[in-house]
């Protein structure tokens, strides 16, 4: 990563509430508080690392408003509303430098079917395939080896990274971002057991991804058995997530790595699923629900719930049960002692 920003340039990006101290250093890198040195930018995004700030050697530190403590000589503090978000704004500028979009056009090694429609403002990279009837909107960028199937639609300003796949008839709206190896429209998993055999159920629906959705590397979204599998506006899906056929995901949900969502399940808006959570089919998870990591969802969940464990329970109840499990050997010994005492006196417990 090659970075070169003056303190004033950093200030213009993060718009600090307060500026304390000064530095003549040019910011050349980003590092954690404990490993940063002169020329580095760092930030305090979690209060538990507060004690690292006075010892940090970073030239510029992004701090929450109201931070008590003074910068060292040659060090600059910027107080901002949200240090993590402020750092993200700096990283956005760096990202634009590291991965600039190439000029629009179709690489000579790409295949675009005669019946496909690719905007003159789109970029189609090396070894991409755009099949008949597919369309790619203006400002969209298909990096190397991207596959767009027959009749699929890619909206404006999308970014499809290497090896991502959008199969036939699937739809991406505007500003969708697919990370490497993401598959939109893999075949739904459906069979009926008939006469000793698993008979295949054709999956003839499609997948629709609303605007401003981001999908992680290796994640798969199955096409619907009929109608559509749907992901709502602004939802962010992490790596290695499985979304089965006819799942409906609402707006602005967060789905962490290795989650599995079974067929015909509905997530309402603003749901958060922790890593490796598993959801059975045909259930509804209510608006604003938060599901803990590795939780098992086997029933409908009321809006605004916080659940954990397998099968899932209200969060605090599940935590108390886990705490008590660690004391089971002690409880067993106490019960045995009571039983022995009762047996010796001829009484039962």
Protein backbone atom coordinates (compact mmCIF):
# COMPACT_ATOMS: atom_id res chain seq x y z
CA UNK A 1 0.00 0.00 0.00
CA UNK A 2 1.47 3.35 -1.05
CA UNK A 3 0.00 6.29 0.84
CA UNK A 4 1.08 9.91 0.92
CA UNK A 5 -1.24 12.38 2.63
CA UNK A 6 -0.42 15.59 4.43
CA UNK A 7 -2.11 16.24 7.80
CA UNK A 8 -4.27 18.87 6.11
CA UNK A 9 -5.37 16.33 3.50
CA UNK A 10 -6.33 13.90 6.25
CA UNK A 11 -8.28 16.70 7.94
CA UNK A 12 -10.20 17.44 4.75
CA UNK A 13 -11.28 13.80 4.56
CA UNK A 14 -12.30 13.27 8.20
CA UNK A 15 -13.62 16.75 9.05
CA UNK A 16 -12.52 16.73 12.71
CA UNK A 17 -14.46 18.50 15.45
CA UNK A 18 -11.20 19.42 17.15
CA UNK A 19 -7.54 19.38 16.16
CA UNK A 20 -4.84 19.12 18.83
CA UNK A 21 -1.07 19.06 18.43
CA UNK A 22 0.92 19.15 15.20
CA UNK A 23 3.18 17.03 13.05
CA UNK A 24 5.43 17.64 10.10
CA UNK A 25 5.21 13.98 9.04
CA UNK A 26 3.51 12.90 5.83
CA UNK A 27 1.13 10.02 6.46
CA UNK A 28 2.61 7.01 4.62
CA UNK A 29 0.71 4.13 6.21
CA UNK A 30 -2.07 2.97 8.53
CA UNK A 31 -1.37 0.87 11.63
CA UNK A 32 -2.83 -0.19 14.96
CA UNK A 33 -2.12 1.97 17.98
CA UNK A 34 0.38 -0.49 19.42
CA UNK A 35 2.38 -1.04 16.22
CA UNK A 36 2.23 2.41 14.60
CA UNK A 37 5.34 4.52 14.13
CA UNK A 38 6.20 7.95 12.75
CA UNK A 39 4.41 8.51 9.46
CA UNK A 40 1.47 6.26 10.39
CA UNK A 41 -2.20 7.09 10.85
CA UNK A 42 -4.02 5.23 13.63
CA UNK A 43 -7.39 5.39 15.38
CA UNK A 44 -9.23 4.51 18.59
CA UNK A 45 -12.27 2.57 17.43
CA UNK A 46 -12.83 0.50 20.59
CA UNK A 47 -12.69 1.87 24.13
CA UNK A 48 -10.81 -1.18 25.42
CA UNK A 49 -7.70 0.02 23.54
CA UNK A 50 -7.79 3.49 25.14
CA UNK A 51 -4.71 2.76 27.27
CA UNK A 52 -2.67 2.29 24.07
CA UNK A 53 -3.18 5.89 22.92
CA UNK A 54 -0.63 7.59 25.25
CA UNK A 55 2.03 5.03 24.26
CA UNK A 56 1.32 5.12 20.52
CA UNK A 57 3.98 6.54 18.21
CA UNK A 58 1.54 7.25 15.37
CA UNK A 59 1.92 10.69 13.83
CA UNK A 60 -1.84 11.20 13.45
CA UNK A 61 -4.52 9.56 15.62
CA UNK A 62 -8.28 9.68 15.08
CA UNK A 63 -10.02 9.87 18.47
CA UNK A 64 -13.61 10.07 19.70
CA UNK A 65 -14.87 13.54 20.62
CA UNK A 66 -14.11 14.42 24.23
CA UNK A 67 -10.99 12.25 24.50
CA UNK A 68 -8.96 13.29 27.54
CA UNK A 69 -5.23 13.29 27.03
CA UNK A 70 -2.68 15.34 25.14
CA UNK A 71 -0.65 14.43 22.06
CA UNK A 72 3.07 13.80 22.33
CA UNK A 73 5.49 16.23 20.66
CA UNK A 74 5.27 15.83 16.89
CA UNK A 75 1.89 14.10 17.17
CA UNK A 76 -1.53 15.25 15.94
CA UNK A 77 -4.92 14.29 17.39
CA UNK A 78 -8.13 14.64 15.38
CA UNK A 79 -11.32 14.32 17.44
CA UNK A 80 -14.20 13.00 15.34
CA UNK A 81 -17.70 11.66 15.96
CA UNK A 82 -16.83 8.14 14.81
CA UNK A 83 -13.12 7.25 14.44
CA UNK A 84 -13.85 4.01 12.55
CA UNK A 85 -16.01 5.84 10.01
CA UNK A 86 -13.42 8.59 9.69
CA UNK A 87 -10.75 5.99 8.93
CA UNK A 88 -13.09 4.43 6.35
CA UNK A 89 -13.22 7.76 4.52
CA UNK A 90 -9.43 7.80 4.33
CA UNK A 91 -9.41 4.19 3.12
CA UNK A 92 -11.96 5.05 0.44
CA UNK A 93 -9.49 7.55 -1.00
CA UNK A 94 -6.72 4.94 -0.80
CA UNK A 95 -8.93 2.34 -2.49
CA UNK A 96 -9.54 4.68 -5.39
CA UNK A 97 -5.78 5.00 -5.79
CA UNK A 98 -4.98 1.30 -5.44
CA UNK A 99 -7.73 -0.02 -7.72
CA UNK A 100 -8.62 2.69 -10.20
CA UNK A 101 -11.34 1.77 -12.68
CA UNK A 102 -9.90 1.28 -16.15
CA UNK A 103 -11.25 3.16 -19.13
CA UNK A 104 -14.59 1.87 -20.45
CA UNK A 105 -14.44 -0.78 -23.13
CA UNK A 106 -14.40 -4.51 -23.82
CA UNK A 107 -11.13 -6.41 -23.54
CA UNK A 108 -10.13 -8.21 -26.72
CA UNK A 109 -10.11 -11.59 -24.91
CA UNK A 110 -13.68 -11.20 -23.61
CA UNK A 111 -16.70 -12.78 -25.32
CA UNK A 112 -19.82 -10.65 -25.68
CA UNK A 113 -22.65 -12.34 -27.57
CA UNK A 114 -24.12 -10.41 -30.49
CA UNK A 115 -27.47 -10.23 -28.69
CA UNK A 116 -26.02 -8.82 -25.47
CA UNK A 117 -26.15 -5.14 -24.52
CA UNK A 118 -23.10 -3.58 -22.86
CA UNK A 119 -23.10 0.15 -22.14
CA UNK A 120 -20.37 2.15 -23.81
CA UNK A 121 -19.54 3.41 -20.29
CA UNK A 122 -19.04 -0.10 -18.87
CA UNK A 123 -15.79 -2.05 -18.60
CA UNK A 124 -15.59 -5.75 -19.50
CA UNK A 125 -12.27 -7.24 -18.46
CA UNK A 126 -10.12 -10.12 -19.74
CA UNK A 127 -11.77 -13.51 -20.38
CA UNK A 128 -15.24 -12.36 -19.34
CA UNK A 129 -18.35 -13.88 -20.92
CA UNK A 130 -21.58 -11.96 -21.49
CA UNK A 131 -24.20 -14.25 -23.02
CA UNK A 132 -27.04 -13.54 -25.41
CA UNK A 133 -29.76 -11.23 -24.12
CA UNK A 134 -27.73 -10.09 -21.09
CA UNK A 135 -27.20 -6.41 -20.33
CA UNK A 136 -24.52 -4.45 -18.44
CA UNK A 137 -25.24 -0.89 -17.32
CA UNK A 138 -23.13 2.24 -17.52
CA UNK A 139 -20.25 2.59 -15.10
CA UNK A 140 -20.25 -1.12 -14.24
CA UNK A 141 -16.91 -2.88 -14.10
CA UNK A 142 -16.50 -6.58 -14.81
CA UNK A 143 -13.03 -7.69 -13.79
CA UNK A 144 -11.33 -10.78 -15.20
CA UNK A 145 -13.24 -14.04 -15.82
CA UNK A 146 -16.68 -12.75 -14.86
CA UNK A 147 -19.63 -14.70 -16.31
CA UNK A 148 -22.97 -13.06 -17.09
CA UNK A 149 -25.55 -15.62 -18.21
CA UNK A 150 -28.25 -15.47 -20.83
CA UNK A 151 -30.82 -12.76 -20.18
CA UNK A 152 -29.18 -11.61 -16.94
CA UNK A 153 -29.21 -7.91 -16.10
CA UNK A 154 -26.42 -5.95 -14.39
CA UNK A 155 -27.36 -2.39 -13.44
CA UNK A 156 -25.30 0.79 -13.33
CA UNK A 157 -22.07 1.25 -11.37
CA UNK A 158 -21.78 -2.38 -10.28
CA UNK A 159 -18.39 -3.91 -9.48
CA UNK A 160 -18.01 -7.63 -10.20
CA UNK A 161 -14.65 -8.99 -9.06
CA UNK A 162 -12.71 -11.86 -10.69
CA UNK A 163 -14.50 -15.16 -11.05
CA UNK A 164 -17.91 -13.90 -9.96
CA UNK A 165 -20.92 -15.41 -11.73
CA UNK A 166 -24.42 -14.12 -12.50
CA UNK A 167 -26.37 -16.94 -14.12
CA UNK A 168 -29.25 -16.79 -16.58
CA UNK A 169 -32.15 -14.40 -15.96
CA UNK A 170 -30.77 -13.09 -12.65
CA UNK A 171 -30.93 -9.37 -11.88
CA UNK A 172 -28.49 -7.00 -10.20
CA UNK A 173 -29.73 -3.49 -9.62
CA UNK A 174 -27.39 -0.49 -9.30
CA UNK A 175 -24.13 -0.32 -7.32
CA UNK A 176 -24.05 -4.02 -6.44
CA UNK A 177 -20.63 -5.35 -5.46
CA UNK A 178 -19.72 -9.03 -5.88
CA UNK A 179 -16.44 -10.26 -4.41
CA UNK A 180 -14.32 -12.97 -6.08
CA UNK A 181 -16.01 -16.32 -6.59
CA UNK A 182 -19.49 -15.14 -5.65
CA UNK A 183 -22.28 -17.04 -7.44
CA UNK A 184 -25.67 -15.44 -8.02
CA UNK A 185 -28.17 -17.96 -9.36
CA UNK A 186 -26.65 -21.33 -8.50
CA UNK A 187 -29.18 -24.13 -8.79
CA UNK A 188 -31.55 -24.50 -5.83
CA UNK A 189 -31.29 -27.74 -3.85
CA UNK A 190 -34.60 -29.52 -4.28
CA UNK A 191 -35.53 -33.22 -4.56
CA UNK A 192 -38.49 -35.50 -3.89
CA UNK A 193 -37.87 -39.05 -2.70
CA UNK A 194 -39.85 -41.28 -5.07
CA UNK A 195 -39.64 -45.06 -5.40
CA UNK A 196 -36.28 -45.25 -3.66
CA UNK A 197 -34.69 -42.41 -5.65
CA UNK A 198 -34.15 -38.68 -5.20
CA UNK A 199 -36.04 -37.10 -8.08
CA UNK A 200 -34.82 -33.65 -9.07
CA UNK A 201 -37.14 -30.64 -8.76
CA UNK A 202 -36.26 -28.14 -11.50
CA UNK A 203 -35.37 -24.67 -10.21
CA UNK A 204 -36.82 -22.30 -12.80
CA UNK A 205 -36.93 -19.02 -10.85
CA UNK A 206 -34.24 -16.35 -10.57
CA UNK A 207 -32.28 -14.22 -8.09
CA UNK A 208 -32.82 -10.48 -7.74
CA UNK A 209 -30.32 -8.27 -5.88
CA UNK A 210 -31.47 -4.73 -5.02
CA UNK A 211 -29.25 -1.64 -5.16
CA UNK A 212 -26.25 -1.06 -2.88
CA UNK A 213 -25.91 -4.71 -1.86
CA UNK A 214 -22.42 -6.13 -1.24
CA UNK A 215 -21.78 -9.89 -1.33
CA UNK A 216 -18.63 -11.59 -0.08
CA UNK A 217 -16.20 -14.02 -1.67
CA UNK A 218 -17.42 -17.57 -2.16
CA UNK A 219 -21.00 -16.77 -1.20
CA UNK A 220 -23.75 -18.54 -3.15
CA UNK A 221 -27.33 -17.43 -3.74
CA UNK A 222 -29.55 -20.14 -5.20
CA UNK A 223 -32.13 -19.37 -7.86
CA UNK A 224 -35.71 -19.90 -6.77
CA UNK A 225 -37.69 -23.03 -7.49
CA UNK A 226 -40.22 -20.56 -8.91
CA UNK A 227 -40.56 -16.78 -8.60
CA UNK A 228 -37.42 -15.26 -7.03
CA UNK A 229 -34.76 -15.37 -4.35
CA UNK A 230 -34.41 -11.75 -3.20
CA UNK A 231 -31.88 -9.56 -1.35
CA UNK A 232 -33.08 -6.11 -0.29
CA UNK A 233 -31.48 -2.71 -0.69
CA UNK A 234 -28.29 -2.00 1.25
CA UNK A 235 -27.86 -5.48 2.70
CA UNK A 236 -24.29 -6.67 3.25
CA UNK A 237 -23.43 -10.38 3.07
CA UNK A 238 -20.04 -11.71 4.20
CA UNK A 239 -17.89 -14.52 2.76
CA UNK A 240 -18.97 -18.16 2.42
CA UNK A 241 -22.67 -17.62 3.09
CA UNK A 242 -25.30 -19.97 1.64
CA UNK A 243 -28.65 -18.43 0.66
CA UNK A 244 -31.06 -21.13 -0.50
CA UNK A 245 -33.90 -21.01 -3.02
CA UNK A 246 -36.83 -18.61 -2.47
CA UNK A 247 -35.19 -16.92 0.52
CA UNK A 248 -36.26 -13.29 0.95
CA UNK A 249 -33.82 -10.95 2.72
CA UNK A 250 -34.96 -7.46 3.66
CA UNK A 251 -33.26 -4.07 3.53
CA UNK A 252 -30.01 -3.24 5.33
CA UNK A 253 -29.44 -6.64 6.89
CA UNK A 254 -25.97 -7.80 7.99
CA UNK A 255 -25.13 -11.47 7.42
CA UNK A 256 -21.75 -12.63 8.73
CA UNK A 257 -19.47 -15.37 7.44
CA UNK A 258 -20.57 -18.99 7.01
CA UNK A 259 -24.24 -18.39 7.73
CA UNK A 260 -26.64 -20.90 6.14
CA UNK A 261 -30.21 -19.85 5.31
CA UNK A 262 -32.55 -22.66 4.24
CA UNK A 263 -35.18 -22.38 1.56
CA UNK A 264 -38.22 -20.07 1.73
CA UNK A 265 -37.04 -18.34 4.90
CA UNK A 266 -37.68 -14.60 5.26
CA UNK A 267 -35.47 -12.07 6.99
CA UNK A 268 -37.24 -8.78 7.56
CA UNK A 269 -35.38 -5.44 7.46
CA UNK A 270 -32.32 -4.73 9.64
CA UNK A 271 -31.74 -8.31 10.77
CA UNK A 272 -28.19 -9.19 11.92
CA UNK A 273 -26.99 -12.81 11.70
CA UNK A 274 -23.76 -13.71 13.53
CA UNK A 275 -21.17 -15.98 11.94
CA UNK A 276 -22.14 -19.62 11.33
CA UNK A 277 -25.76 -19.09 12.37
CA UNK A 278 -28.06 -21.66 10.76
CA UNK A 279 -31.70 -21.13 9.83
CA UNK A 280 -34.21 -23.85 8.96
CA UNK A 281 -36.58 -23.35 6.06
CA UNK A 282 -39.96 -21.60 6.00
CA UNK A 283 -39.45 -19.39 9.05
CA UNK A 284 -39.59 -15.60 9.44
CA UNK A 285 -37.03 -13.59 11.40
CA UNK A 286 -38.63 -10.32 12.47
CA UNK A 287 -37.40 -6.82 11.78
CA UNK A 288 -34.33 -5.70 13.73
CA UNK A 289 -33.60 -9.12 15.24
CA UNK A 290 -30.01 -9.91 16.26
CA UNK A 291 -28.90 -13.55 16.10
CA UNK A 292 -25.72 -14.67 17.87
CA UNK A 293 -22.86 -16.60 16.26
CA UNK A 294 -23.54 -20.33 15.69
CA UNK A 295 -27.15 -19.93 16.79
CA UNK A 296 -29.75 -22.33 15.39
CA UNK A 297 -33.03 -20.74 14.30
CA UNK A 298 -35.79 -23.35 14.18
CA UNK A 299 -38.90 -21.17 14.57
CA UNK A 300 -40.31 -17.75 13.75
CA UNK A 301 -38.62 -14.93 15.67
CA UNK A 302 -40.50 -11.85 16.87
CA UNK A 303 -39.29 -8.42 15.63
CA UNK A 304 -36.61 -6.81 17.78
CA UNK A 305 -35.51 -10.06 19.43
CA UNK A 306 -31.96 -10.87 20.52
CA UNK A 307 -31.37 -14.63 20.46
CA UNK A 308 -28.50 -17.07 20.87
CA UNK A 309 -27.81 -20.79 21.18
CA UNK A 310 -29.09 -23.95 19.49
CA UNK A 311 -32.01 -24.19 19.50
CA UNK A 312 -32.21 -20.44 19.92
CA UNK A 313 -33.33 -18.83 23.17
CA UNK A 314 -33.57 -15.22 24.36
CA UNK A 315 -30.00 -14.01 24.69
CA UNK A 316 -29.77 -13.47 28.46
CA UNK A 317 -31.57 -16.74 29.25
CA UNK A 318 -29.18 -18.66 26.99
CA UNK A 319 -26.17 -16.99 28.62
CA UNK A 320 -27.42 -17.93 32.11
CA UNK A 321 -27.93 -21.54 31.01
CA UNK A 322 -24.39 -21.70 29.62
CA UNK A 323 -23.01 -20.30 32.88
CA UNK A 324 -24.91 -22.93 34.86
CA UNK A 325 -23.64 -25.73 32.62
CA UNK A 326 -20.12 -25.09 33.90
CA UNK A 327 -21.39 -25.79 37.42
CA UNK A 328 -23.08 -29.12 36.60
CA UNK A 329 -20.28 -31.24 38.13
CA UNK A 330 -20.57 -29.24 41.35
CA UNK A 331 -24.38 -29.58 41.36
CA UNK A 332 -24.08 -33.32 40.73
CA UNK A 333 -21.76 -33.75 43.70
CA UNK A 334 -24.09 -31.73 45.94
CA UNK A 335 -27.10 -33.77 44.81
CA UNK A 336 -25.22 -37.03 45.39
CA UNK A 337 -24.25 -35.89 48.87
CA UNK A 338 -27.90 -35.09 49.65
CA UNK A 339 -29.03 -38.46 48.31
CA UNK A 340 -26.38 -40.27 50.39
CA UNK A 341 -27.44 -38.35 53.48
CA UNK A 342 -31.13 -39.08 52.88
CA UNK A 343 -30.39 -42.76 52.23
CA UNK A 344 -28.46 -43.05 55.48
CA UNK A 345 -31.37 -41.65 57.49
CA UNK A 346 -34.05 -43.57 55.64
CA UNK A 347 -35.37 -40.47 53.91
CA UNK A 348 -35.68 -39.79 50.21
CA UNK A 349 -34.71 -36.60 48.41
